[in-house]
Every structure is written in structure tokens, then in C-alpha cells.
Amino acid sequence: MHLSIATLAACLASAQAFKDTSPFVLFSSSTLPASVSNSDKYLESASNVVEAAKAVLGQCSEDVYYFIHTPSISAHDLDASSPQIKKAVTGAAGQYVMPEVLGLGLETQEELADYLIKACGATRSMRSWINKEKDPRKDGKPVYWKLDFPALPEDRYEREVEVTLQGESLDFQVFQDLKANGHKYTVIYTTTPHNPVHEDVVYEPKFEAIAHMDLKRVPPSQWNNATNATDRRPLFEKYQYFTPGLFMGLLVSAILLSILYVGISAVSSLEVSYSAFDKENGPAAQKKQG
């Protein structure tokens, strides 16, 4: 079944609404059996996907089978950061793409490879041999090649970079060779779900402890230590004599004393003769004389 580019993009760009699911991609240079169809499904079980893949492998019609596996990846990762895969899929004669598959794992790839060996007598080969030979088959039987990528990191930016690098690696190691060699091929891309690791955050309330050191009681178990301990520090290290309060008191006292001194000095500087206080020389005596 041949999918349009728009349909494929819609499949790969489907929302991540399912947990423990990951994409499955199969494309071939030959037309797929009529029983293998994408229809309009976005979600499928791993068992149904494996059965569809076995229907393709059971034909034994290809020269080379490529098994590619990427753990911890989602359909969103694949669609956003790996245009090489989408380009290779849309250029193939047959495609089977399922964006959300429940229960995929590395054992899925191993199961399909074992089935290919039993059904077609296929043998594992090396990339250099496949690219060197015009007919890579051994004794008329197909060969297969495996490529396993490491798990993607959890950081979003690092995931995008890693998926991009994997897509470029696939383009260099597989997709360009498919065009250059002219071999009949089938590529099976399996994945495992991306389950983000969420660390449990335990809330621990923090209270500001207001301690009144002067009212704090000493436990009975510490009485002996509290009474018998001798502080042998020097006197001026043990006590603080010149405190901010004492400094301000001395400063205010100095100002008040200076004001008092000025006042006393002003009063003491007054010069009045004793005759001014005699009755004969006072104002009343002057009136009599007038």
C-alpha cells in the first residue's frame, strides 16, 4: 500500500496521547501484501504489528533486510527531528507506519530476525559486504544487517540533537546505499517507549525557630555540664564592654554636658555691682531726688 506524504506526516505527527507506546516503521522496495495495511489507525498492539511484519518477511523476496532499533523514542521525536526517515519512507514502493504501538521492545527486533532466518534461511552480513557485492545474497538466500542505537537522553534539547544525529547516520549508512546499490530491500525500524523519569519531590516545610536564649531551660541531663564548665577566656574576650547602646549613651551625655557647661559659663560671666541692689540707689530713690 502506498501512502502519500501528507498521510505519513500526519501519522508521525500524531499527538502523544498514549503511554508506553512507540512508533514502528517498515518500508520496502517491493509492494507489500494486501493484508498489510495502515488504514486510518494510529494505535496498534505489538502482536498485530509483528504479524503484519512477518507477512512481509515471509515473502523472502528481498536481497537485504535492515533491522534498525532505537530505544526510548516517541513518534513526536521521530517526526520533529528525523526528516531523513520520512524521506526514505515516502520514496519506497511499500510502507507500513504505525505511530503508536503498545508493547514494542528490543525483543520485537530479535523475534522478527529469528523469523526471517527460519522462514527464508537468511544469514547476517556486514555493511561493507552488502555495498561491495552486486548481488549480496549468499547461496541465493537473503542477508540481513542490524543497527542498534543507544537510548536517547532525557533532556529535550539533547534528545532533538541525538535524533537528528541518528537520522543523519541512517541516511549515510543505509538510505544512501539503498539508492546507490540498487538492491531489493526491506527496512524494519523498531523502537521502545519513552517513559520520562520524574523524581518524587517531598515537601519539607521550614519554620523559623525563634529562640529566647535567656528563657531557655537547661535539661537536667546537662546540669552538671552547665554548672561545672569553666570559661577560661580572657576578660575582654569573655565580655563585651563597649556596646552600641553604651556608645550612644556616652555620646548623648557628652552633648548634654557641653550644653550645661555653656549655660553655667554664660550665667557666671554676668557682672552686676552690689550697689544696684541698695534701696537708696534704686528707682524709688531716684524719683525722690527728682
Protein backbone atom coordinates (compact mmCIF):
# COMPACT_ATOMS: atom_id res chain seq x y z
CA MET A 1 0.00 0.00 0.00
CA HIS A 2 1.43 3.37 -0.99
CA LEU A 3 0.94 6.23 1.47
CA SER A 4 1.01 9.86 0.49
CA ILE A 5 3.49 12.24 2.08
CA ALA A 6 0.67 14.09 3.85
CA THR A 7 -0.72 10.87 5.32
CA LEU A 8 2.70 9.79 6.54
CA ALA A 9 3.38 13.16 8.12
CA ALA A 10 0.01 13.06 9.85
CA CYS A 11 0.78 9.60 11.21
CA LEU A 12 4.17 10.53 12.55
CA ALA A 13 2.94 13.83 13.95
CA SER A 14 0.05 12.32 15.91
CA ALA A 15 -0.27 13.56 19.46
CA GLN A 16 1.44 11.73 22.28
CA ALA A 17 -1.78 10.77 23.98
CA PHE A 18 -0.81 7.20 24.82
CA LYS A 19 1.53 5.92 27.49
CA ASP A 20 4.04 3.10 26.88
CA THR A 21 3.76 3.41 23.10
CA SER A 22 6.39 4.00 20.43
CA PRO A 23 6.47 4.11 16.60
CA PHE A 24 7.04 1.22 14.21
CA VAL A 25 8.18 1.80 10.62
CA LEU A 26 8.51 -0.72 7.80
CA PHE A 27 9.18 0.19 4.18
CA SER A 28 10.32 -1.82 1.20
CA SER A 29 11.36 -1.54 -2.41
CA SER A 30 8.58 -4.01 -3.21
CA THR A 31 4.84 -3.69 -2.85
CA LEU A 32 3.55 -5.02 0.47
CA PRO A 33 0.94 -7.79 0.70
CA ALA A 34 -2.68 -6.74 0.62
CA SER A 35 -3.11 -7.92 4.23
CA VAL A 36 -0.61 -5.32 5.43
CA SER A 37 -2.44 -2.02 5.55
CA ASN A 38 -2.13 1.13 7.62
CA SER A 39 -5.79 2.11 7.15
CA ASP A 40 -6.52 5.03 9.48
CA LYS A 41 -5.15 3.54 12.67
CA TYR A 42 -2.76 5.41 14.94
CA LEU A 43 -2.69 2.84 17.74
CA GLU A 44 -1.93 -0.86 17.47
CA SER A 45 -0.67 -3.69 19.67
CA ALA A 46 2.80 -5.12 19.23
CA SER A 47 1.42 -8.56 18.41
CA ASN A 48 -0.60 -7.24 15.46
CA VAL A 49 2.37 -5.24 14.19
CA VAL A 50 4.63 -8.31 14.42
CA GLU A 51 2.12 -10.37 12.44
CA ALA A 52 2.00 -7.72 9.71
CA ALA A 53 5.81 -7.58 9.58
CA LYS A 54 6.04 -11.38 9.37
CA ALA A 55 3.69 -11.30 6.41
CA VAL A 56 6.20 -9.08 4.65
CA LEU A 57 9.26 -11.06 5.72
CA GLY A 58 7.66 -14.36 4.78
CA GLN A 59 7.76 -13.44 1.09
CA CYS A 60 11.59 -13.72 1.13
CA SER A 61 11.61 -11.55 -1.98
CA GLU A 62 14.28 -9.02 -0.98
CA ASP A 63 18.06 -9.13 -1.26
CA VAL A 64 18.78 -7.31 2.01
CA TYR A 65 16.80 -6.77 5.20
CA TYR A 66 17.80 -3.95 7.53
CA PHE A 67 16.82 -4.15 11.20
CA ILE A 68 17.20 -0.79 12.99
CA HIS A 69 16.35 -0.21 16.64
CA THR A 70 16.19 2.98 18.73
CA PRO A 71 15.17 2.77 22.41
CA SER A 72 13.26 5.45 24.32
CA ILE A 73 11.82 7.40 21.39
CA SER A 74 8.36 8.74 20.59
CA ALA A 75 6.51 9.50 17.38
CA HIS A 76 6.92 13.20 18.13
CA ASP A 77 10.71 12.84 18.40
CA LEU A 78 10.83 10.96 15.12
CA ASP A 79 8.65 13.43 13.27
CA ALA A 80 10.31 16.58 14.62
CA SER A 81 13.99 15.69 14.30
CA SER A 82 14.42 12.97 11.66
CA PRO A 83 13.35 14.11 8.19
CA GLN A 84 15.67 11.51 6.62
CA ILE A 85 13.43 8.65 7.75
CA LYS A 86 10.29 10.31 6.41
CA LYS A 87 12.02 10.96 3.09
CA ALA A 88 13.17 7.34 2.81
CA VAL A 89 9.71 6.02 3.67
CA THR A 90 7.88 8.19 1.15
CA GLY A 91 10.33 7.15 -1.58
CA ALA A 92 9.70 3.42 -1.06
CA ALA A 93 7.21 1.28 -3.02
CA GLY A 94 5.57 -0.14 0.11
CA GLN A 95 5.19 1.38 3.57
CA TYR A 96 3.71 0.26 6.86
CA VAL A 97 3.87 3.01 9.50
CA MET A 98 2.24 2.80 12.94
CA PRO A 99 2.90 5.87 15.13
CA GLU A 100 1.69 4.38 18.43
CA VAL A 101 2.42 0.71 19.14
CA LEU A 102 1.85 -0.72 22.59
CA GLY A 103 4.44 -3.21 23.86
CA LEU A 104 7.34 -2.78 21.44
CA GLY A 105 10.84 -3.69 22.63
CA LEU A 106 14.22 -4.95 21.55
CA GLU A 107 12.79 -8.45 21.66
CA THR A 108 10.50 -7.43 18.79
CA GLN A 109 13.50 -6.92 16.55
CA GLU A 110 15.01 -10.23 17.67
CA GLU A 111 11.74 -12.06 17.05
CA LEU A 112 11.48 -10.72 13.52
CA ALA A 113 15.14 -11.50 12.76
CA ASP A 114 14.68 -15.08 14.02
CA TYR A 115 11.58 -15.45 11.88
CA LEU A 116 13.50 -14.24 8.81
CA ILE A 117 16.22 -16.81 9.48
CA LYS A 118 13.74 -19.67 9.85
CA ALA A 119 11.41 -18.69 7.01
CA CYS A 120 13.99 -17.59 4.42
CA GLY A 121 17.27 -19.09 5.60
CA ALA A 122 18.73 -15.59 5.84
CA THR A 123 22.22 -15.00 7.25
CA ARG A 124 23.66 -11.96 8.94
CA SER A 125 26.06 -9.92 6.87
CA MET A 126 28.25 -6.84 7.13
CA ARG A 127 27.56 -3.46 5.60
CA SER A 128 30.84 -3.49 3.68
CA TRP A 129 29.95 -6.83 2.04
CA ILE A 130 26.45 -5.66 1.15
CA ASN A 131 27.74 -2.50 -0.50
CA LYS A 132 30.57 -4.27 -2.32
CA GLU A 133 28.58 -7.06 -3.91
CA LYS A 134 26.21 -6.53 -6.79
CA ASP A 135 24.20 -9.48 -5.51
CA PRO A 136 24.59 -9.61 -1.71
CA ARG A 137 22.65 -12.87 -1.38
CA LYS A 138 24.50 -15.89 -0.04
CA ASP A 139 23.68 -19.16 -1.79
CA GLY A 140 20.61 -17.50 -3.25
CA LYS A 141 19.26 -16.61 0.18
CA PRO A 142 18.77 -13.09 1.53
CA VAL A 143 21.03 -11.43 4.10
CA TYR A 144 20.22 -9.04 6.91
CA TRP A 145 22.06 -6.34 8.83
CA LYS A 146 21.37 -4.91 12.29
CA LEU A 147 21.95 -1.43 13.64
CA ASP A 148 21.13 -0.60 17.27
CA PHE A 149 21.28 2.97 18.55
CA PRO A 150 21.75 3.93 22.21
CA ALA A 151 18.88 5.25 24.29
CA LEU A 152 18.04 8.92 23.92
CA PRO A 153 18.82 11.33 26.78
CA GLU A 154 16.05 12.82 28.91
CA ASP A 155 16.87 16.47 28.24
CA ARG A 156 14.60 17.83 25.50
CA TYR A 157 17.30 19.71 23.60
CA GLU A 158 19.75 16.80 23.82
CA ARG A 159 17.03 14.41 22.57
CA GLU A 160 16.41 16.55 19.48
CA VAL A 161 20.12 16.71 18.73
CA GLU A 162 20.57 12.95 19.20
CA VAL A 163 17.58 12.06 16.99
CA THR A 164 18.93 14.38 14.30
CA LEU A 165 22.35 12.71 14.50
CA GLN A 166 20.77 9.26 14.30
CA GLY A 167 18.79 10.30 11.24
CA GLU A 168 21.94 11.56 9.56
CA SER A 169 23.73 8.32 10.48
CA LEU A 170 20.92 6.26 8.96
CA ASP A 171 20.99 8.36 5.84
CA PHE A 172 24.73 7.80 5.49
CA GLN A 173 24.86 4.11 6.44
CA VAL A 174 21.59 2.83 4.94
CA PHE A 175 19.45 5.17 2.88
CA GLN A 176 22.17 6.43 0.51
CA ASP A 177 23.34 2.85 -0.02
CA LEU A 178 19.82 1.78 -0.96
CA LYS A 179 19.82 4.23 -3.85
CA ALA A 180 23.39 3.51 -4.95
CA ASN A 181 23.34 -0.29 -4.82
CA GLY A 182 20.03 -0.93 -6.48
CA HIS A 183 19.37 -3.90 -4.17
CA LYS A 184 15.89 -5.02 -3.33
CA TYR A 185 15.47 -4.17 0.33
CA THR A 186 13.16 -4.01 3.33
CA VAL A 187 13.86 -1.77 6.31
CA ILE A 188 12.28 -2.51 9.69
CA TYR A 189 12.61 0.23 12.29
CA THR A 190 11.65 -0.81 15.82
CA THR A 191 11.62 1.30 18.97
CA THR A 192 10.84 1.22 22.67
CA PRO A 193 8.64 3.72 24.55
CA HIS A 194 9.97 6.88 26.08
CA ASN A 195 8.96 6.97 29.73
CA PRO A 196 10.26 10.17 31.32
CA VAL A 197 11.77 9.78 34.76
CA HIS A 198 10.01 12.02 37.27
CA GLU A 199 11.74 12.38 40.59
CA ASP A 200 9.36 12.39 43.56
CA VAL A 201 9.54 15.76 45.27
CA VAL A 202 8.92 15.53 49.00
CA TYR A 203 7.73 18.76 50.55
CA GLU A 204 9.56 19.57 53.75
CA PRO A 205 8.24 22.73 55.48
CA LYS A 206 10.81 25.03 57.01
CA PHE A 207 9.92 27.11 60.06
CA GLU A 208 11.94 29.92 61.52
CA ALA A 209 12.73 28.98 65.08
CA ILE A 210 12.51 31.95 67.45
CA ALA A 211 14.70 31.06 70.37
CA HIS A 212 14.78 33.14 73.53
CA MET A 213 18.16 32.27 74.84
CA ASP A 214 17.59 33.99 78.15
CA LEU A 215 14.47 31.91 78.88
CA LYS A 216 15.65 28.58 77.54
CA ARG A 217 15.75 25.86 80.13
CA VAL A 218 18.69 23.61 80.59
CA PRO A 219 17.72 19.91 80.62
CA PRO A 220 18.52 18.06 83.85
CA SER A 221 20.92 15.82 81.96
CA GLN A 222 23.07 18.87 81.20
CA TRP A 223 23.04 20.41 84.68
CA ASN A 224 26.44 19.06 85.62
CA ASN A 225 28.00 20.29 82.41
CA ALA A 226 26.31 23.68 82.73
CA THR A 227 27.44 24.31 86.32
CA ASN A 228 30.87 22.76 86.32
CA ALA A 229 32.11 24.11 82.99
CA THR A 230 34.69 26.86 83.50
CA ASP A 231 35.20 29.55 80.90
CA ARG A 232 38.90 30.36 80.90
CA ARG A 233 38.87 33.00 78.21
CA PRO A 234 40.42 36.43 78.94
CA LEU A 235 38.14 39.00 80.49
CA PHE A 236 37.80 41.25 77.44
CA GLU A 237 37.07 38.26 75.20
CA LYS A 238 34.51 36.83 77.58
CA TYR A 239 32.52 40.06 77.99
CA GLN A 240 31.68 42.90 75.67
CA TYR A 241 32.01 46.23 77.44
CA PHE A 242 31.70 48.82 74.71
CA THR A 243 28.30 48.02 73.20
CA PRO A 244 26.38 50.18 70.70
CA GLY A 245 23.94 51.21 73.43
CA LEU A 246 26.74 52.30 75.73
CA PHE A 247 28.36 54.25 72.90
CA MET A 248 25.15 56.17 72.17
CA GLY A 249 24.62 56.91 75.87
CA LEU A 250 28.09 58.34 76.21
CA LEU A 251 27.64 60.45 73.10
CA VAL A 252 24.34 61.94 74.32
CA SER A 253 25.83 62.54 77.77
CA ALA A 254 28.75 64.45 76.23
CA ILE A 255 26.35 66.66 74.26
CA LEU A 256 24.21 67.41 77.32
CA LEU A 257 27.25 68.14 79.47
CA SER A 258 28.57 70.57 76.86
CA ILE A 259 25.21 72.39 76.83
CA LEU A 260 25.25 72.53 80.63
CA TYR A 261 28.76 73.89 80.60
CA VAL A 262 27.85 76.67 78.16
CA GLY A 263 24.85 77.60 80.28
CA ILE A 264 26.83 77.75 83.51
CA SER A 265 29.58 79.73 81.81
CA ALA A 266 27.05 82.26 80.49
CA VAL A 267 25.47 82.77 83.89
CA SER A 268 28.80 83.06 85.68
CA SER A 269 30.00 85.72 83.22
CA LEU A 270 27.29 88.20 84.24
CA GLU A 271 28.79 91.30 86.15
CA VAL A 272 26.36 93.25 88.39
CA SER A 273 27.58 95.71 91.10
CA TYR A 274 26.33 95.28 94.60
CA SER A 275 25.13 98.88 94.74
CA ALA A 276 22.44 98.07 92.22
CA PHE A 277 20.65 96.17 94.93
CA ASP A 278 20.70 99.03 97.54
CA LYS A 279 17.37 100.75 98.24
CA GLU A 280 18.89 104.25 98.13
CA ASN A 281 20.24 103.77 94.67
CA GLY A 282 17.17 102.05 93.32
CA PRO A 283 14.44 103.52 91.13
CA ALA A 284 12.42 104.75 94.10
CA ALA A 285 15.31 106.84 95.40
CA GLN A 286 15.80 108.44 92.00
CA LYS A 287 12.12 109.54 91.97
CA LYS A 288 12.54 111.18 95.36
CA GLN A 289 15.57 113.11 94.19
CA GLY A 290 13.62 114.33 91.17
